[in-house]
C-alpha atoms as a PDB file:
ATOM      1  CA  MET A   1      93.493  98.774  98.272  1.00  0.00           C
ATOM      2  CA  SER A   2      89.753  99.435  98.251  1.00  0.00           C
ATOM      3  CA  ALA A   3      87.202  96.676  98.804  1.00  0.00           C
ATOM      4  CA  LEU A   4      85.914  97.327  95.294  1.00  0.00           C
ATOM      5  CA  ILE A   5      89.251  96.625  93.622  1.00  0.00           C
ATOM      6  CA  MET A   6      89.852  93.608  95.850  1.00  0.00           C
ATOM      7  CA  GLY A   7      86.427  92.265  94.920  1.00  0.00           C
ATOM      8  CA  LEU A   8      87.109  92.672  91.202  1.00  0.00           C
ATOM      9  CA  LEU A   9      90.517  91.030  91.516  1.00  0.00           C
ATOM     10  CA  SER A  10      88.880  88.072  93.251  1.00  0.00           C
ATOM     11  CA  GLY A  11      86.511  87.660  90.315  1.00  0.00           C
ATOM     12  CA  LYS A  12      83.397  88.330  92.398  1.00  0.00           C
ATOM     13  CA  PRO A  13      80.777  90.547  90.708  1.00  0.00           C
ATOM     14  CA  GLN A  14      80.494  93.961  92.304  1.00  0.00           C
ATOM     15  CA  MET A  15      76.918  95.257  92.351  1.00  0.00           C
ATOM     16  CA  GLY A  16      76.103  98.956  92.505  1.00  0.00           C
ATOM     17  CA  VAL A  17      73.619 101.734  91.864  1.00  0.00           C
ATOM     18  CA  TRP A  18      73.704 105.171  90.225  1.00  0.00           C
ATOM     19  CA  LEU A  19      73.287 108.268  92.419  1.00  0.00           C
ATOM     20  CA  ASN A  20      71.819 111.014  90.229  1.00  0.00           C
ATOM     21  CA  LEU A  21      69.982 113.191  92.744  1.00  0.00           C
ATOM     22  CA  GLY A  22      73.025 114.981  94.116  1.00  0.00           C
ATOM     23  CA  SER A  23      71.631 114.298  97.584  1.00  0.00           C
ATOM     24  CA  ALA A  24      73.646 113.311 100.647  1.00  0.00           C
ATOM     25  CA  VAL A  25      70.487 111.771 102.130  1.00  0.00           C
ATOM     26  CA  SER A  26      70.035 109.566  99.084  1.00  0.00           C
ATOM     27  CA  ALA A  27      73.722 108.635  99.164  1.00  0.00           C
ATOM     28  CA  GLU A  28      73.464 107.633 102.807  1.00  0.00           C
ATOM     29  CA  ILE A  29      70.355 105.531 102.175  1.00  0.00           C
ATOM     30  CA  ALA A  30      72.154 103.760  99.321  1.00  0.00           C
ATOM     31  CA  ALA A  31      75.240 103.220 101.474  1.00  0.00           C
ATOM     32  CA  LEU A  32      73.126 101.562 104.158  1.00  0.00           C
ATOM     33  CA  ALA A  33      71.231  99.412 101.638  1.00  0.00           C
ATOM     34  CA  GLY A  34      74.122  97.004 101.103  1.00  0.00           C
ATOM     35  CA  TYR A  35      75.483  97.768  97.632  1.00  0.00           C
ATOM     36  CA  ASP A  36      79.125  96.995  96.869  1.00  0.00           C
ATOM     37  CA  TRP A  37      79.659 100.327  95.129  1.00  0.00           C
ATOM     38  CA  LEU A  38      77.909 103.621  94.475  1.00  0.00           C
ATOM     39  CA  LEU A  39      78.320 105.807  91.403  1.00  0.00           C
ATOM     40  CA  ILE A  40      77.983 109.522  92.124  1.00  0.00           C
ATOM     41  CA  ASP A  41      77.126 110.979  88.730  1.00  0.00           C
ATOM     42  CA  LEU A  42      78.411 114.455  87.907  1.00  0.00           C
ATOM     43  CA  GLU A  43      77.825 114.021  84.169  1.00  0.00           C
ATOM     44  CA  HIS A  44      74.049 113.514  84.064  1.00  0.00           C
ATOM     45  CA  GLY A  45      73.247 113.891  87.752  1.00  0.00           C
ATOM     46  CA  SER A  46      71.490 116.813  89.408  1.00  0.00           C
ATOM     47  CA  GLY A  47      74.411 117.649  91.701  1.00  0.00           C
ATOM     48  CA  ASP A  48      77.722 119.360  91.004  1.00  0.00           C
ATOM     49  CA  TYR A  49      81.151 119.607  92.613  1.00  0.00           C
ATOM     50  CA  ARG A  50      79.770 121.553  95.584  1.00  0.00           C
ATOM     51  CA  ASP A  51      77.437 118.656  96.368  1.00  0.00           C
ATOM     52  CA  LEU A  52      80.144 116.021  96.109  1.00  0.00           C
ATOM     53  CA  SER A  53      81.772 116.253  99.551  1.00  0.00           C
ATOM     54  CA  PRO A  54      78.479 115.801 101.462  1.00  0.00           C
ATOM     55  CA  GLN A  55      77.660 112.776  99.314  1.00  0.00           C
ATOM     56  CA  LEU A  56      81.080 111.224  99.940  1.00  0.00           C
ATOM     57  CA  TRP A  57      80.704 111.812 103.688  1.00  0.00           C
ATOM     58  CA  ALA A  58      77.275 110.178 103.553  1.00  0.00           C
ATOM     59  CA  THR A  59      78.562 107.060 101.797  1.00  0.00           C
ATOM     60  CA  GLN A  60      80.744 106.351 104.828  1.00  0.00           C
ATOM     61  CA  ALA A  61      77.597 105.233 106.651  1.00  0.00           C
ATOM     62  CA  GLY A  62      78.005 101.854 104.952  1.00  0.00           C
ATOM     63  CA  GLU A  63      80.651  99.630 103.398  1.00  0.00           C
ATOM     64  CA  ALA A  64      80.088 100.553  99.740  1.00  0.00           C
ATOM     65  CA  SER A  65      82.915 102.035  97.690  1.00  0.00           C
ATOM     66  CA  ALA A  66      82.200 105.470  96.210  1.00  0.00           C
ATOM     67  CA  VAL A  67      83.065 106.072  92.548  1.00  0.00           C
ATOM     68  CA  VAL A  68      82.544 109.462  90.893  1.00  0.00           C
ATOM     69  CA  ARG A  69      81.687 109.876  87.234  1.00  0.00           C
ATOM     70  CA  VAL A  70      83.275 113.122  86.114  1.00  0.00           C
ATOM     71  CA  THR A  71      81.766 115.324  83.428  1.00  0.00           C
ATOM     72  CA  ALA A  72      84.540 114.810  80.879  1.00  0.00           C
ATOM     73  CA  LEU A  73      88.195 113.949  80.352  1.00  0.00           C
ATOM     74  CA  SER A  74      89.532 117.079  82.061  1.00  0.00           C
ATOM     75  CA  ALA A  75      92.696 116.716  84.130  1.00  0.00           C
ATOM     76  CA  PRO A  76      91.991 119.747  86.378  1.00  0.00           C
ATOM     77  CA  ASP A  77      88.443 118.574  87.123  1.00  0.00           C
ATOM     78  CA  ILE A  78      89.563 114.997  87.744  1.00  0.00           C
ATOM     79  CA  LYS A  79      92.250 116.206  90.157  1.00  0.00           C
ATOM     80  CA  ARG A  80      89.709 118.252  92.140  1.00  0.00           C
ATOM     81  CA  VAL A  81      87.439 115.221  92.413  1.00  0.00           C
ATOM     82  CA  LEU A  82      90.258 112.898  93.484  1.00  0.00           C
ATOM     83  CA  ASP A  83      91.383 115.389  96.132  1.00  0.00           C
ATOM     84  CA  LEU A  84      88.071 114.634  97.870  1.00  0.00           C
ATOM     85  CA  GLY A  85      89.080 110.993  98.285  1.00  0.00           C
ATOM     86  CA  PRO A  86      86.624 108.787  96.349  1.00  0.00           C
ATOM     87  CA  HIS A  87      87.494 105.142  95.817  1.00  0.00           C
ATOM     88  CA  GLY A  88      87.497 105.632  92.076  1.00  0.00           C
ATOM     89  CA  VAL A  89      86.551 107.703  89.069  1.00  0.00           C
ATOM     90  CA  MET A  90      84.668 106.923  85.885  1.00  0.00           C
ATOM     91  CA  ILE A  91      85.447 108.914  82.740  1.00  0.00           C
ATOM     92  CA  PRO A  92      82.786 109.050  80.020  1.00  0.00           C
ATOM     93  CA  ASN A  93      83.175 108.363  76.303  1.00  0.00           C
ATOM     94  CA  ILE A  94      86.781 107.306  75.881  1.00  0.00           C
ATOM     95  CA  GLU A  95      87.278 106.590  72.177  1.00  0.00           C
ATOM     96  CA  THR A  96      91.006 106.406  71.477  1.00  0.00           C
ATOM     97  CA  VAL A  97      94.232 105.111  72.950  1.00  0.00           C
ATOM     98  CA  GLU A  98      95.420 108.703  73.250  1.00  0.00           C
ATOM     99  CA  GLN A  99      92.394 109.562  75.392  1.00  0.00           C
ATOM    100  CA  ALA A 100      92.965 106.446  77.491  1.00  0.00           C
ATOM    101  CA  VAL A 101      96.580 107.477  78.114  1.00  0.00           C
ATOM    102  CA  ALA A 102      95.412 110.986  79.019  1.00  0.00           C
ATOM    103  CA  ALA A 103      92.931 109.469  81.486  1.00  0.00           C
ATOM    104  CA  VAL A 104      95.724 107.543  83.192  1.00  0.00           C
ATOM    105  CA  GLN A 105      97.890 110.644  83.296  1.00  0.00           C
ATOM    106  CA  ALA A 106      95.067 112.586  84.942  1.00  0.00           C
ATOM    107  CA  VAL A 107      94.254 109.930  87.546  1.00  0.00           C
ATOM    108  CA  ARG A 108      97.565 108.322  88.447  1.00  0.00           C
ATOM    109  CA  ILE A 109     100.346 109.839  90.529  1.00  0.00           C
ATOM    110  CA  PRO A 110     103.930 109.738  89.142  1.00  0.00           C
ATOM    111  CA  PRO A 111     105.615 107.674  87.904  1.00  0.00           C
ATOM    112  CA  LEU A 112     102.521 106.049  86.331  1.00  0.00           C
ATOM    113  CA  GLY A 113     100.729 109.354  85.683  1.00  0.00           C
ATOM    114  CA  SER A 114     101.162 113.064  86.148  1.00  0.00           C
ATOM    115  CA  ARG A 115      98.485 113.983  88.706  1.00  0.00           C
ATOM    116  CA  GLY A 116      99.632 116.261  91.452  1.00  0.00           C
ATOM    117  CA  ALA A 117      98.580 115.790  95.070  1.00  0.00           C
ATOM    118  CA  ALA A 118      98.447 118.142  98.044  1.00  0.00           C
ATOM    119  CA  THR A 119      99.041 117.409 101.693  1.00  0.00           C
ATOM    120  CA  SER A 120      95.912 119.106 103.033  1.00  0.00           C
ATOM    121  CA  THR A 121      93.181 117.430 100.978  1.00  0.00           C
ATOM    122  CA  ARG A 122      90.489 115.070 102.199  1.00  0.00           C
ATOM    123  CA  ALA A 123      92.169 112.275 100.208  1.00  0.00           C
ATOM    124  CA  SER A 124      95.338 112.868 102.261  1.00  0.00           C
ATOM    125  CA  ARG A 125      93.364 112.934 105.537  1.00  0.00           C
ATOM    126  CA  TYR A 126      94.023 116.674 105.678  1.00  0.00           C
ATOM    127  CA  GLY A 127      97.746 116.070 106.081  1.00  0.00           C
ATOM    128  CA  ASP A 128      97.657 113.155 108.491  1.00  0.00           C
ATOM    129  CA  GLY A 129      97.962 110.497 105.766  1.00  0.00           C
ATOM    130  CA  TYR A 130      99.754 112.208 102.900  1.00  0.00           C
ATOM    131  CA  GLU A 131     102.725 109.818 102.700  1.00  0.00           C
ATOM    132  CA  SER A 132     100.576 106.700 102.708  1.00  0.00           C
ATOM    133  CA  TYR A 133      98.191 108.195 100.153  1.00  0.00           C
ATOM    134  CA  ILE A 134     101.026 108.969  97.750  1.00  0.00           C
ATOM    135  CA  ARG A 135     102.365 105.456  98.256  1.00  0.00           C
ATOM    136  CA  GLU A 136      99.041 103.652  97.807  1.00  0.00           C
ATOM    137  CA  ALA A 137      96.859 105.824  95.552  1.00  0.00           C
ATOM    138  CA  ASN A 138      97.802 104.223  92.244  1.00  0.00           C
ATOM    139  CA  ASP A 139      96.776 100.800  93.548  1.00  0.00           C
ATOM    140  CA  SER A 140      93.726 101.861  95.545  1.00  0.00           C
ATOM    141  CA  VAL A 141      91.915 104.285  93.202  1.00  0.00           C
ATOM    142  CA  LEU A 142      89.795 102.556  90.570  1.00  0.00           C
ATOM    143  CA  LEU A 143      89.881 103.980  87.036  1.00  0.00           C
ATOM    144  CA  ALA A 144      86.930 103.028  84.848  1.00  0.00           C
ATOM    145  CA  VAL A 145      86.684 104.371  81.306  1.00  0.00           C
ATOM    146  CA  GLN A 146      83.430 104.236  79.400  1.00  0.00           C
ATOM    147  CA  ILE A 147      82.945 102.669  75.988  1.00  0.00           C
ATOM    148  CA  GLU A 148      80.005 104.594  74.556  1.00  0.00           C
ATOM    149  CA  SER A 149      80.587 104.949  70.819  1.00  0.00           C
ATOM    150  CA  VAL A 150      81.445 103.029  67.679  1.00  0.00           C
ATOM    151  CA  SER A 151      84.953 104.505  67.818  1.00  0.00           C
ATOM    152  CA  GLY A 152      85.428 103.436  71.419  1.00  0.00           C
ATOM    153  CA  LEU A 153      84.155  99.968  70.561  1.00  0.00           C
ATOM    154  CA  ALA A 154      86.617  99.639  67.683  1.00  0.00           C
ATOM    155  CA  ASN A 155      89.510 100.628  69.955  1.00  0.00           C
ATOM    156  CA  ALA A 156      88.353  98.738  73.068  1.00  0.00           C
ATOM    157  CA  ALA A 157      91.191  96.207  73.042  1.00  0.00           C
ATOM    158  CA  LYS A 158      93.855  98.896  72.690  1.00  0.00           C
ATOM    159  CA  ILE A 159      92.206 101.024  75.386  1.00  0.00           C
ATOM    160  CA  ALA A 160      92.078  98.075  77.777  1.00  0.00           C
ATOM    161  CA  ALA A 161      95.768  97.412  77.216  1.00  0.00           C
ATOM    162  CA  VAL A 162      96.767 100.829  78.576  1.00  0.00           C
ATOM    163  CA  GLU A 163      98.473 100.399  81.946  1.00  0.00           C
ATOM    164  CA  GLY A 164      96.592 102.107  84.749  1.00  0.00           C
ATOM    165  CA  ILE A 165      93.069 101.431  83.481  1.00  0.00           C
ATOM    166  CA  ASP A 166      91.064  98.980  85.587  1.00  0.00           C
ATOM    167  CA  VAL A 167      87.642  98.744  83.945  1.00  0.00           C
ATOM    168  CA  LEU A 168      86.015  99.121  80.546  1.00  0.00           C
ATOM    169  CA  PHE A 169      82.501 100.272  81.411  1.00  0.00           C
ATOM    170  CA  VAL A 170      79.820 100.182  78.732  1.00  0.00           C
ATOM    171  CA  GLY A 171      77.312 103.009  78.496  1.00  0.00           C
ATOM    172  CA  PRO A 172      74.589 100.925  76.805  1.00  0.00           C
ATOM    173  CA  LEU A 173      72.255 103.731  75.771  1.00  0.00           C
ATOM    174  CA  ASP A 174      74.918 105.935  74.193  1.00  0.00           C
ATOM    175  CA  LEU A 175      76.602 102.939  72.564  1.00  0.00           C
ATOM    176  CA  SER A 176      73.356 101.693  71.022  1.00  0.00           C
ATOM    177  CA  ILE A 177      72.565 105.190  69.721  1.00  0.00           C
ATOM    178  CA  SER A 178      76.048 105.476  68.237  1.00  0.00           C
ATOM    179  CA  MET A 179      75.520 102.111  66.522  1.00  0.00           C
ATOM    180  CA  GLY A 180      72.141 103.199  65.145  1.00  0.00           C
ATOM    181  CA  ILE A 181      70.316 100.497  67.092  1.00  0.00           C
ATOM    182  CA  GLN A 182      66.776 101.251  68.239  1.00  0.00           C
ATOM    183  CA  GLU A 183      66.112  98.130  70.330  1.00  0.00           C
ATOM    184  CA  PRO A 184      69.475  96.959  71.659  1.00  0.00           C
ATOM    185  CA  GLN A 185      68.178  93.999  73.634  1.00  0.00           C
ATOM    186  CA  ARG A 186      66.687  92.532  70.456  1.00  0.00           C
ATOM    187  CA  ASP A 187      69.611  93.276  68.174  1.00  0.00           C
ATOM    188  CA  GLU A 188      72.335  90.670  67.822  1.00  0.00           C
ATOM    189  CA  ARG A 189      74.810  93.370  66.783  1.00  0.00           C
ATOM    190  CA  PHE A 190      74.533  94.960  70.224  1.00  0.00           C
ATOM    191  CA  ARG A 191      75.118  91.668  71.997  1.00  0.00           C
ATOM    192  CA  GLU A 192      78.167  91.081  69.815  1.00  0.00           C
ATOM    193  CA  ALA A 193      79.419  94.545  70.751  1.00  0.00           C
ATOM    194  CA  LEU A 194      79.088  93.742  74.448  1.00  0.00           C
ATOM    195  CA  VAL A 195      80.929  90.457  73.978  1.00  0.00           C
ATOM    196  CA  SER A 196      83.752  92.283  72.210  1.00  0.00           C
ATOM    197  CA  VAL A 197      84.146  94.687  75.151  1.00  0.00           C
ATOM    198  CA  ILE A 198      84.266  91.785  77.608  1.00  0.00           C
ATOM    199  CA  GLN A 199      86.851  90.003  75.475  1.00  0.00           C
ATOM    200  CA  ALA A 200      88.936  93.181  75.190  1.00  0.00           C
ATOM    201  CA  ALA A 201      88.922  93.595  78.951  1.00  0.00           C
ATOM    202  CA  ASN A 202      89.729  89.941  79.615  1.00  0.00           C
ATOM    203  CA  GLN A 203      92.663  89.962  77.194  1.00  0.00           C
ATOM    204  CA  SER A 204      94.351  92.649  79.278  1.00  0.00           C
ATOM    205  CA  HIS A 205      93.266  91.179  82.621  1.00  0.00           C
ATOM    206  CA  LYS A 206      90.894  94.067  83.248  1.00  0.00           C
ATOM    207  CA  ALA A 207      87.229  94.007  84.296  1.00  0.00           C
ATOM    208  CA  ALA A 208      84.206  94.839  82.156  1.00  0.00           C
ATOM    209  CA  GLY A 209      81.283  96.806  83.572  1.00  0.00           C
ATOM    210  CA  ILE A 210      77.838  97.971  82.507  1.00  0.00           C
ATOM    211  CA  LEU A 211      74.677  99.730  83.679  1.00  0.00           C
ATOM    212  CA  ALA A 212      71.499  97.606  83.684  1.00  0.00           C
ATOM    213  CA  ARG A 213      67.892  98.778  83.639  1.00  0.00           C
ATOM    214  CA  ASN A 214      66.207  95.795  85.294  1.00  0.00           C
ATOM    215  CA  GLU A 215      66.732  92.373  86.869  1.00  0.00           C
ATOM    216  CA  ALA A 216      66.580  90.566  83.535  1.00  0.00           C
ATOM    217  CA  GLU A 217      69.413  92.690  82.187  1.00  0.00           C
ATOM    218  CA  VAL A 218      71.444  92.150  85.364  1.00  0.00           C
ATOM    219  CA  GLU A 219      71.134  88.381  84.964  1.00  0.00           C
ATOM    220  CA  LEU A 220      72.064  88.595  81.296  1.00  0.00           C
ATOM    221  CA  TYR A 221      75.082  90.821  81.858  1.00  0.00           C
ATOM    222  CA  LEU A 222      76.401  88.703  84.724  1.00  0.00           C
ATOM    223  CA  SER A 223      76.049  85.547  82.634  1.00  0.00           C
ATOM    224  CA  MET A 224      78.007  87.240  79.843  1.00  0.00           C
ATOM    225  CA  GLY A 225      80.920  88.031  82.144  1.00  0.00           C
ATOM    226  CA  PHE A 226      80.432  91.631  83.253  1.00  0.00           C
ATOM    227  CA  ARG A 227      81.828  92.036  86.769  1.00  0.00           C
ATOM    228  CA  LEU A 228      81.160  95.685  87.659  1.00  0.00           C
ATOM    229  CA  VAL A 229      77.391  96.035  87.326  1.00  0.00           C
ATOM    230  CA  ALA A 230      75.004  98.776  88.404  1.00  0.00           C
ATOM    231  CA  ALA A 231      71.222  98.589  88.258  1.00  0.00           C
ATOM    232  CA  GLY A 232      69.021 101.650  88.247  1.00  0.00           C
ATOM    233  CA  SER A 233      69.419 104.993  89.968  1.00  0.00           C
ATOM    234  CA  ASP A 234      68.108 106.826  92.994  1.00  0.00           C
ATOM    235  CA  ARG A 235      66.369 109.303  90.698  1.00  0.00           C
ATOM    236  CA  GLY A 236      64.732 106.559  88.652  1.00  0.00           C
ATOM    237  CA  MET A 237      63.680 104.592  91.716  1.00  0.00           C
ATOM    238  CA  LEU A 238      62.126 107.670  93.320  1.00  0.00           C
ATOM    239  CA  ALA A 239      60.275 108.596  90.134  1.00  0.00           C
ATOM    240  CA  SER A 240      58.970 105.050  89.722  1.00  0.00           C
ATOM    241  CA  ALA A 241      57.854 104.819  93.344  1.00  0.00           C
ATOM    242  CA  MET A 242      56.158 108.228  93.158  1.00  0.00           C
ATOM    243  CA  ARG A 243      54.247 107.277  90.016  1.00  0.00           C
ATOM    244  CA  LYS A 244      53.185 103.992  91.575  1.00  0.00           C
ATOM    245  CA  GLY A 245      52.127 105.729  94.795  1.00  0.00           C
ATOM    246  CA  ALA A 246      50.126 108.386  92.956  1.00  0.00           C
ATOM    247  CA  GLY A 247      48.432 105.758  90.818  1.00  0.00           C
ATOM    248  CA  THR A 248      47.483 103.728  93.891  1.00  0.00           C
ATOM    249  CA  LEU A 249      46.020 106.783  95.628  1.00  0.00           C
ATOM    250  CA  LYS A 250      43.983 107.756  92.572  1.00  0.00           C
ATOM    251  CA  THR A 251      42.646 104.213  92.259  1.00  0.00           C
ATOM    252  CA  LEU A 252      41.614 104.193  95.910  1.00  0.00           C
ATOM    253  CA  ALA A 253      40.021 107.622  95.555  1.00  0.00           C
ATOM    254  CA  SER A 254      38.018 106.566  92.499  1.00  0.00           C
ATOM    255  CA  ARG A 255      36.728 103.498  94.328  1.00  0.00           C
ATOM    256  CA  THR A 256      35.598 105.663  97.235  1.00  0.00           C
ATOM    257  CA  VAL A 257      33.753 108.071  94.936  1.00  0.00           C
ATOM    258  CA  GLU A 258      32.076 105.207  93.087  1.00  0.00           C
ATOM    259  CA  ALA A 259      30.988 103.646  96.369  1.00  0.00           C
END
């Protein structure tokens, strides 16, 4: 069982970051920074499947668990990702019980699901650990499904009740857009939506997760009961630092010219 799943089962919040750059260097830096988990984003990230193996290798520099967000609910694509041996997968925009069941089928090995496995994959240690992987995969691979729409919100309790799902993970931007909310942090309807997702997860003894933009949101989400929390992304952090650095240099240059 991965450290991430053990941490969630213990009730301890698991803190992570989004990796959007598709860079093994960035993944290694994040792994060494001390996060509990890292989300390698294939949906909105700059990398693709060819960039995934180097990023997974790089995450082994630290203790963080690597979770991959796939592009969509596609069993063949999910199988290819899982063959590379991440600690978990996140599937975007799950809206119905039928989709939730399909997600479990795509991720879990029989008898819980229908995913096939091969002996020579990275997940199976290239043949050296195939038997143990088959025996342990259903308990050690995290499955997080995202609640990102009004339909998903309405079905959250039923989705959480599906055996084989570990986490309901809110995509706050997409959910607020789906709800027609312009300023989610100031809208009581959005807070009520988040509470309903947490309650749905708790009722089925699952965890609730969310992506935060800043420290204030992290504190709020933790106080509400979210346990799988990520804050920011490598791409966002780099962009912010670059803008700050450029602004500082221009300020210094203007002072020199004025002097």
